[in-house]
């Protein structure tokens, strides 16, 4: 159960150089029926502790315009320890020798699976890669003894992301507002990244 202090009704100013987004939390408690998926032409390759460079390159390719930055600002050793953890399964989705998608399943909480990262590069959106990747995620997650699978998405994500998760069997259970420093002003992302998110630079 989540415990938080609700924001009062109204507009709330952000600290300088910060941005805010609306996060939707979704979950499922039983394996859903899989939707039709193109099963040819795709494969998954697991990444491990030594694959931080490959991970970051794929993370940037998918996330630059949807404000993915969390794995760009953590130390190298922390990223290595996460993707190298025996209970974290991090995969590159590969087609014709190219990395086009990212899937990370986190089983570090007993009986649960977090779909911690899920996405495909912009050129692969709408071509069946996302459905293939989701079916793999659901199959692999529910092959283990879990009772809950969950994911977060936010309004910075692809416009179809929330509906896609719901079609896949996830159901919303909470909404949060997340405030954090703008990674473009921290130097973690280029200033032209995520153009849908206004860049507000302070004078002086």
C-alpha atoms as a PDB file:
ATOM      1  CA  UNK A   1       0.000   0.000   0.000  1.00  0.00           C
ATOM      2  CA  UNK A   2       1.237   3.468  -0.858  1.00  0.00           C
ATOM      3  CA  UNK A   3       1.344   6.195   1.772  1.00  0.00           C
ATOM      4  CA  UNK A   4       1.753   9.792   0.679  1.00  0.00           C
ATOM      5  CA  UNK A   5       0.684  13.305   1.479  1.00  0.00           C
ATOM      6  CA  UNK A   6      -1.751  14.476  -1.206  1.00  0.00           C
ATOM      7  CA  UNK A   7      -0.995  17.726  -2.971  1.00  0.00           C
ATOM      8  CA  UNK A   8      -3.532  20.454  -2.264  1.00  0.00           C
ATOM      9  CA  UNK A   9      -5.747  21.445  -5.168  1.00  0.00           C
ATOM     10  CA  UNK A  10      -4.218  24.127  -7.364  1.00  0.00           C
ATOM     11  CA  UNK A  11      -1.016  25.005  -9.211  1.00  0.00           C
ATOM     12  CA  UNK A  12       2.318  24.552  -7.448  1.00  0.00           C
ATOM     13  CA  UNK A  13       5.546  26.317  -8.459  1.00  0.00           C
ATOM     14  CA  UNK A  14       8.577  24.120  -9.074  1.00  0.00           C
ATOM     15  CA  UNK A  15      12.056  24.765  -7.749  1.00  0.00           C
ATOM     16  CA  UNK A  16      14.323  26.462 -10.295  1.00  0.00           C
ATOM     17  CA  UNK A  17      15.665  24.155 -13.035  1.00  0.00           C
ATOM     18  CA  UNK A  18      13.224  21.358 -12.167  1.00  0.00           C
ATOM     19  CA  UNK A  19      10.518  19.618 -14.173  1.00  0.00           C
ATOM     20  CA  UNK A  20       7.443  17.662 -13.120  1.00  0.00           C
ATOM     21  CA  UNK A  21       5.529  14.808 -14.704  1.00  0.00           C
ATOM     22  CA  UNK A  22       2.404  12.819 -13.937  1.00  0.00           C
ATOM     23  CA  UNK A  23       3.178   9.157 -13.236  1.00  0.00           C
ATOM     24  CA  UNK A  24       0.585   6.401 -13.621  1.00  0.00           C
ATOM     25  CA  UNK A  25       1.235   3.203 -11.644  1.00  0.00           C
ATOM     26  CA  UNK A  26      -0.161  -0.015 -13.129  1.00  0.00           C
ATOM     27  CA  UNK A  27      -0.223  -3.630 -12.006  1.00  0.00           C
ATOM     28  CA  UNK A  28      -1.584  -7.097 -12.715  1.00  0.00           C
ATOM     29  CA  UNK A  29      -2.081 -10.037 -10.371  1.00  0.00           C
ATOM     30  CA  UNK A  30      -2.431 -12.926 -12.808  1.00  0.00           C
ATOM     31  CA  UNK A  31      -0.953 -13.838 -16.159  1.00  0.00           C
ATOM     32  CA  UNK A  32      -3.068 -12.324 -18.949  1.00  0.00           C
ATOM     33  CA  UNK A  33      -3.834 -13.814 -22.331  1.00  0.00           C
ATOM     34  CA  UNK A  34      -1.197 -12.778 -24.837  1.00  0.00           C
ATOM     35  CA  UNK A  35      -2.190 -10.640 -27.786  1.00  0.00           C
ATOM     36  CA  UNK A  36      -1.159 -11.620 -31.349  1.00  0.00           C
ATOM     37  CA  UNK A  37       2.485 -10.883 -32.049  1.00  0.00           C
ATOM     38  CA  UNK A  38       4.881 -11.141 -34.999  1.00  0.00           C
ATOM     39  CA  UNK A  39       7.233 -13.908 -33.891  1.00  0.00           C
ATOM     40  CA  UNK A  40       9.794 -13.770 -36.685  1.00  0.00           C
ATOM     41  CA  UNK A  41      12.757 -11.484 -37.118  1.00  0.00           C
ATOM     42  CA  UNK A  42      13.246 -10.609 -33.430  1.00  0.00           C
ATOM     43  CA  UNK A  43      15.461 -12.069 -30.739  1.00  0.00           C
ATOM     44  CA  UNK A  44      16.451 -11.198 -27.176  1.00  0.00           C
ATOM     45  CA  UNK A  45      20.034 -10.974 -25.932  1.00  0.00           C
ATOM     46  CA  UNK A  46      20.600 -10.740 -22.195  1.00  0.00           C
ATOM     47  CA  UNK A  47      22.948  -8.010 -21.004  1.00  0.00           C
ATOM     48  CA  UNK A  48      25.124  -8.405 -17.940  1.00  0.00           C
ATOM     49  CA  UNK A  49      27.404  -6.416 -15.681  1.00  0.00           C
ATOM     50  CA  UNK A  50      29.962  -5.864 -18.442  1.00  0.00           C
ATOM     51  CA  UNK A  51      27.414  -4.421 -20.895  1.00  0.00           C
ATOM     52  CA  UNK A  52      26.980  -0.920 -19.460  1.00  0.00           C
ATOM     53  CA  UNK A  53      28.122   0.800 -22.657  1.00  0.00           C
ATOM     54  CA  UNK A  54      25.665  -1.182 -24.767  1.00  0.00           C
ATOM     55  CA  UNK A  55      22.919  -0.544 -22.227  1.00  0.00           C
ATOM     56  CA  UNK A  56      23.471   3.219 -22.130  1.00  0.00           C
ATOM     57  CA  UNK A  57      23.582   3.481 -25.925  1.00  0.00           C
ATOM     58  CA  UNK A  58      20.257   1.658 -26.239  1.00  0.00           C
ATOM     59  CA  UNK A  59      18.786   3.600 -23.304  1.00  0.00           C
ATOM     60  CA  UNK A  60      19.657   6.880 -25.048  1.00  0.00           C
ATOM     61  CA  UNK A  61      18.373   5.728 -28.433  1.00  0.00           C
ATOM     62  CA  UNK A  62      14.997   4.844 -26.953  1.00  0.00           C
ATOM     63  CA  UNK A  63      14.664   7.507 -24.318  1.00  0.00           C
ATOM     64  CA  UNK A  64      16.124  10.766 -25.549  1.00  0.00           C
ATOM     65  CA  UNK A  65      12.772  12.171 -26.633  1.00  0.00           C
ATOM     66  CA  UNK A  66      10.707  10.682 -23.795  1.00  0.00           C
ATOM     67  CA  UNK A  67      12.865  11.968 -20.923  1.00  0.00           C
ATOM     68  CA  UNK A  68      14.598   8.741 -19.933  1.00  0.00           C
ATOM     69  CA  UNK A  69      17.563   9.811 -17.857  1.00  0.00           C
ATOM     70  CA  UNK A  70      17.691   7.853 -14.588  1.00  0.00           C
ATOM     71  CA  UNK A  71      20.300   5.372 -15.812  1.00  0.00           C
ATOM     72  CA  UNK A  72      22.413   8.143 -17.339  1.00  0.00           C
ATOM     73  CA  UNK A  73      23.126   9.869 -14.032  1.00  0.00           C
ATOM     74  CA  UNK A  74      24.026   6.907 -11.832  1.00  0.00           C
ATOM     75  CA  UNK A  75      27.660   5.807 -11.374  1.00  0.00           C
ATOM     76  CA  UNK A  76      29.045   3.158 -13.682  1.00  0.00           C
ATOM     77  CA  UNK A  77      29.499   0.666 -10.865  1.00  0.00           C
ATOM     78  CA  UNK A  78      25.892   1.021  -9.757  1.00  0.00           C
ATOM     79  CA  UNK A  79      24.559   0.443 -13.273  1.00  0.00           C
ATOM     80  CA  UNK A  80      26.841  -2.572 -13.611  1.00  0.00           C
ATOM     81  CA  UNK A  81      25.609  -4.014 -10.325  1.00  0.00           C
ATOM     82  CA  UNK A  82      21.948  -3.594 -11.313  1.00  0.00           C
ATOM     83  CA  UNK A  83      22.067  -5.155 -14.759  1.00  0.00           C
ATOM     84  CA  UNK A  84      24.452  -7.818 -13.477  1.00  0.00           C
ATOM     85  CA  UNK A  85      22.218  -8.820 -10.566  1.00  0.00           C
ATOM     86  CA  UNK A  86      21.062 -12.438 -10.711  1.00  0.00           C
ATOM     87  CA  UNK A  87      17.461 -11.309 -10.082  1.00  0.00           C
ATOM     88  CA  UNK A  88      17.445  -8.607 -12.768  1.00  0.00           C
ATOM     89  CA  UNK A  89      16.950  -9.744 -16.355  1.00  0.00           C
ATOM     90  CA  UNK A  90      17.970  -7.058 -18.825  1.00  0.00           C
ATOM     91  CA  UNK A  91      17.573  -7.776 -22.526  1.00  0.00           C
ATOM     92  CA  UNK A  92      18.303  -6.034 -25.805  1.00  0.00           C
ATOM     93  CA  UNK A  93      15.702  -6.668 -28.492  1.00  0.00           C
ATOM     94  CA  UNK A  94      17.619  -7.380 -31.689  1.00  0.00           C
ATOM     95  CA  UNK A  95      16.510  -7.354 -35.322  1.00  0.00           C
ATOM     96  CA  UNK A  96      18.899  -7.876 -38.222  1.00  0.00           C
ATOM     97  CA  UNK A  97      21.848  -7.444 -35.916  1.00  0.00           C
ATOM     98  CA  UNK A  98      20.692  -4.103 -34.518  1.00  0.00           C
ATOM     99  CA  UNK A  99      19.562  -3.293 -30.986  1.00  0.00           C
ATOM    100  CA  UNK A 100      16.058  -1.851 -31.287  1.00  0.00           C
ATOM    101  CA  UNK A 101      14.448  -2.405 -27.892  1.00  0.00           C
ATOM    102  CA  UNK A 102      15.084  -2.702 -24.178  1.00  0.00           C
ATOM    103  CA  UNK A 103      13.405  -4.935 -21.605  1.00  0.00           C
ATOM    104  CA  UNK A 104      14.297  -5.089 -17.929  1.00  0.00           C
ATOM    105  CA  UNK A 105      12.519  -7.395 -15.482  1.00  0.00           C
ATOM    106  CA  UNK A 106      13.363  -6.887 -11.815  1.00  0.00           C
ATOM    107  CA  UNK A 107      12.573  -9.777  -9.448  1.00  0.00           C
ATOM    108  CA  UNK A 108      14.496  -8.434  -6.445  1.00  0.00           C
ATOM    109  CA  UNK A 109      11.270  -8.042  -4.462  1.00  0.00           C
ATOM    110  CA  UNK A 110      10.048 -11.510  -3.498  1.00  0.00           C
ATOM    111  CA  UNK A 111       6.880 -12.588  -5.285  1.00  0.00           C
ATOM    112  CA  UNK A 112       6.857  -9.561  -7.565  1.00  0.00           C
ATOM    113  CA  UNK A 113       8.220  -8.431 -10.899  1.00  0.00           C
ATOM    114  CA  UNK A 114       8.790  -4.821 -11.827  1.00  0.00           C
ATOM    115  CA  UNK A 115       8.791  -4.083 -15.530  1.00  0.00           C
ATOM    116  CA  UNK A 116      11.440  -1.491 -14.836  1.00  0.00           C
ATOM    117  CA  UNK A 117      12.337  -0.551 -18.410  1.00  0.00           C
ATOM    118  CA  UNK A 118      10.441  -1.276 -21.605  1.00  0.00           C
ATOM    119  CA  UNK A 119      10.745   0.479 -24.943  1.00  0.00           C
ATOM    120  CA  UNK A 120      11.753   0.385 -28.577  1.00  0.00           C
ATOM    121  CA  UNK A 121      13.665   2.877 -30.701  1.00  0.00           C
ATOM    122  CA  UNK A 122      11.476   5.418 -32.553  1.00  0.00           C
ATOM    123  CA  UNK A 123      12.008   3.747 -35.941  1.00  0.00           C
ATOM    124  CA  UNK A 124      10.596   0.469 -34.568  1.00  0.00           C
ATOM    125  CA  UNK A 125       7.391   1.935 -33.121  1.00  0.00           C
ATOM    126  CA  UNK A 126       4.306   0.533 -34.842  1.00  0.00           C
ATOM    127  CA  UNK A 127       6.104  -2.375 -36.485  1.00  0.00           C
ATOM    128  CA  UNK A 128       5.231  -5.110 -34.015  1.00  0.00           C
ATOM    129  CA  UNK A 129       8.436  -4.893 -31.977  1.00  0.00           C
ATOM    130  CA  UNK A 130       6.642  -3.540 -28.930  1.00  0.00           C
ATOM    131  CA  UNK A 131       4.031  -6.310 -28.918  1.00  0.00           C
ATOM    132  CA  UNK A 132       6.696  -8.984 -29.372  1.00  0.00           C
ATOM    133  CA  UNK A 133       8.684  -7.487 -26.501  1.00  0.00           C
ATOM    134  CA  UNK A 134       5.650  -7.251 -24.226  1.00  0.00           C
ATOM    135  CA  UNK A 135       4.655 -10.855 -24.880  1.00  0.00           C
ATOM    136  CA  UNK A 136       8.192 -11.902 -23.986  1.00  0.00           C
ATOM    137  CA  UNK A 137       8.031  -9.797 -20.825  1.00  0.00           C
ATOM    138  CA  UNK A 138       4.744 -11.316 -19.706  1.00  0.00           C
ATOM    139  CA  UNK A 139       5.794 -14.869 -20.514  1.00  0.00           C
ATOM    140  CA  UNK A 140       9.121 -14.587 -18.708  1.00  0.00           C
ATOM    141  CA  UNK A 141       7.687 -12.774 -15.687  1.00  0.00           C
ATOM    142  CA  UNK A 142       4.787 -15.158 -15.088  1.00  0.00           C
ATOM    143  CA  UNK A 143       6.986 -18.216 -15.590  1.00  0.00           C
ATOM    144  CA  UNK A 144       8.348 -17.398 -12.133  1.00  0.00           C
ATOM    145  CA  UNK A 145       6.461 -17.705  -8.803  1.00  0.00           C
ATOM    146  CA  UNK A 146       5.109 -14.163  -8.656  1.00  0.00           C
ATOM    147  CA  UNK A 147       1.727 -12.807  -7.609  1.00  0.00           C
ATOM    148  CA  UNK A 148       2.156  -9.266  -8.920  1.00  0.00           C
ATOM    149  CA  UNK A 149       3.729  -7.545 -11.916  1.00  0.00           C
ATOM    150  CA  UNK A 150       3.873  -3.756 -12.037  1.00  0.00           C
ATOM    151  CA  UNK A 151       5.093  -0.844 -14.122  1.00  0.00           C
ATOM    152  CA  UNK A 152       5.173   2.956 -14.048  1.00  0.00           C
ATOM    153  CA  UNK A 153       4.592   5.205 -17.026  1.00  0.00           C
ATOM    154  CA  UNK A 154       4.308   8.970 -17.255  1.00  0.00           C
ATOM    155  CA  UNK A 155       3.070  11.695 -19.559  1.00  0.00           C
ATOM    156  CA  UNK A 156       6.600  12.179 -20.963  1.00  0.00           C
ATOM    157  CA  UNK A 157       6.307   8.669 -22.456  1.00  0.00           C
ATOM    158  CA  UNK A 158       5.043   7.823 -25.948  1.00  0.00           C
ATOM    159  CA  UNK A 159       1.398   8.975 -26.296  1.00  0.00           C
ATOM    160  CA  UNK A 160       0.258   5.383 -26.840  1.00  0.00           C
ATOM    161  CA  UNK A 161       2.168   3.896 -23.896  1.00  0.00           C
ATOM    162  CA  UNK A 162      -0.585   3.978 -21.284  1.00  0.00           C
ATOM    163  CA  UNK A 163      -3.178   2.429 -23.591  1.00  0.00           C
ATOM    164  CA  UNK A 164      -0.643  -0.196 -24.691  1.00  0.00           C
ATOM    165  CA  UNK A 165      -0.009  -1.252 -21.095  1.00  0.00           C
ATOM    166  CA  UNK A 166      -3.724  -1.457 -20.414  1.00  0.00           C
ATOM    167  CA  UNK A 167      -4.338  -3.569 -23.534  1.00  0.00           C
ATOM    168  CA  UNK A 168      -1.573  -5.848 -22.277  1.00  0.00           C
ATOM    169  CA  UNK A 169      -3.425  -6.535 -19.017  1.00  0.00           C
ATOM    170  CA  UNK A 170      -2.121  -3.882 -16.617  1.00  0.00           C
ATOM    171  CA  UNK A 171      -4.586  -1.825 -14.594  1.00  0.00           C
ATOM    172  CA  UNK A 172      -3.924   1.604 -13.035  1.00  0.00           C
ATOM    173  CA  UNK A 173      -3.864   1.719  -9.245  1.00  0.00           C
ATOM    174  CA  UNK A 174      -2.301   5.100  -8.400  1.00  0.00           C
ATOM    175  CA  UNK A 175      -1.275   8.442  -9.877  1.00  0.00           C
ATOM    176  CA  UNK A 176       1.683  10.474  -8.615  1.00  0.00           C
ATOM    177  CA  UNK A 177       3.466  13.712  -9.470  1.00  0.00           C
ATOM    178  CA  UNK A 178       7.242  13.385  -9.791  1.00  0.00           C
ATOM    179  CA  UNK A 179       9.545  16.397  -9.486  1.00  0.00           C
ATOM    180  CA  UNK A 180      13.224  16.218 -10.373  1.00  0.00           C
ATOM    181  CA  UNK A 181      16.059  18.367 -11.737  1.00  0.00           C
ATOM    182  CA  UNK A 182      15.903  18.846 -15.487  1.00  0.00           C
ATOM    183  CA  UNK A 183      18.561  16.438 -16.852  1.00  0.00           C
ATOM    184  CA  UNK A 184      19.158  18.728 -19.825  1.00  0.00           C
ATOM    185  CA  UNK A 185      20.335  21.451 -17.461  1.00  0.00           C
ATOM    186  CA  UNK A 186      22.451  18.951 -15.540  1.00  0.00           C
ATOM    187  CA  UNK A 187      24.291  17.976 -18.725  1.00  0.00           C
ATOM    188  CA  UNK A 188      22.957  14.412 -18.641  1.00  0.00           C
ATOM    189  CA  UNK A 189      20.975  14.947 -21.856  1.00  0.00           C
ATOM    190  CA  UNK A 190      21.440  17.433 -24.709  1.00  0.00           C
ATOM    191  CA  UNK A 191      19.301  20.559 -24.515  1.00  0.00           C
ATOM    192  CA  UNK A 192      17.418  19.596 -27.680  1.00  0.00           C
ATOM    193  CA  UNK A 193      16.257  16.299 -26.105  1.00  0.00           C
ATOM    194  CA  UNK A 194      12.580  15.734 -25.288  1.00  0.00           C
ATOM    195  CA  UNK A 195      11.331  18.796 -27.179  1.00  0.00           C
ATOM    196  CA  UNK A 196       7.777  18.193 -25.906  1.00  0.00           C
ATOM    197  CA  UNK A 197       9.002  19.159 -22.424  1.00  0.00           C
ATOM    198  CA  UNK A 198       9.603  22.922 -22.187  1.00  0.00           C
ATOM    199  CA  UNK A 199      13.135  23.881 -21.261  1.00  0.00           C
ATOM    200  CA  UNK A 200      13.054  26.666 -18.688  1.00  0.00           C
ATOM    201  CA  UNK A 201      16.455  28.185 -18.018  1.00  0.00           C
ATOM    202  CA  UNK A 202      16.878  30.621 -15.163  1.00  0.00           C
ATOM    203  CA  UNK A 203      18.370  34.034 -15.884  1.00  0.00           C
ATOM    204  CA  UNK A 204      21.783  34.710 -14.485  1.00  0.00           C
END
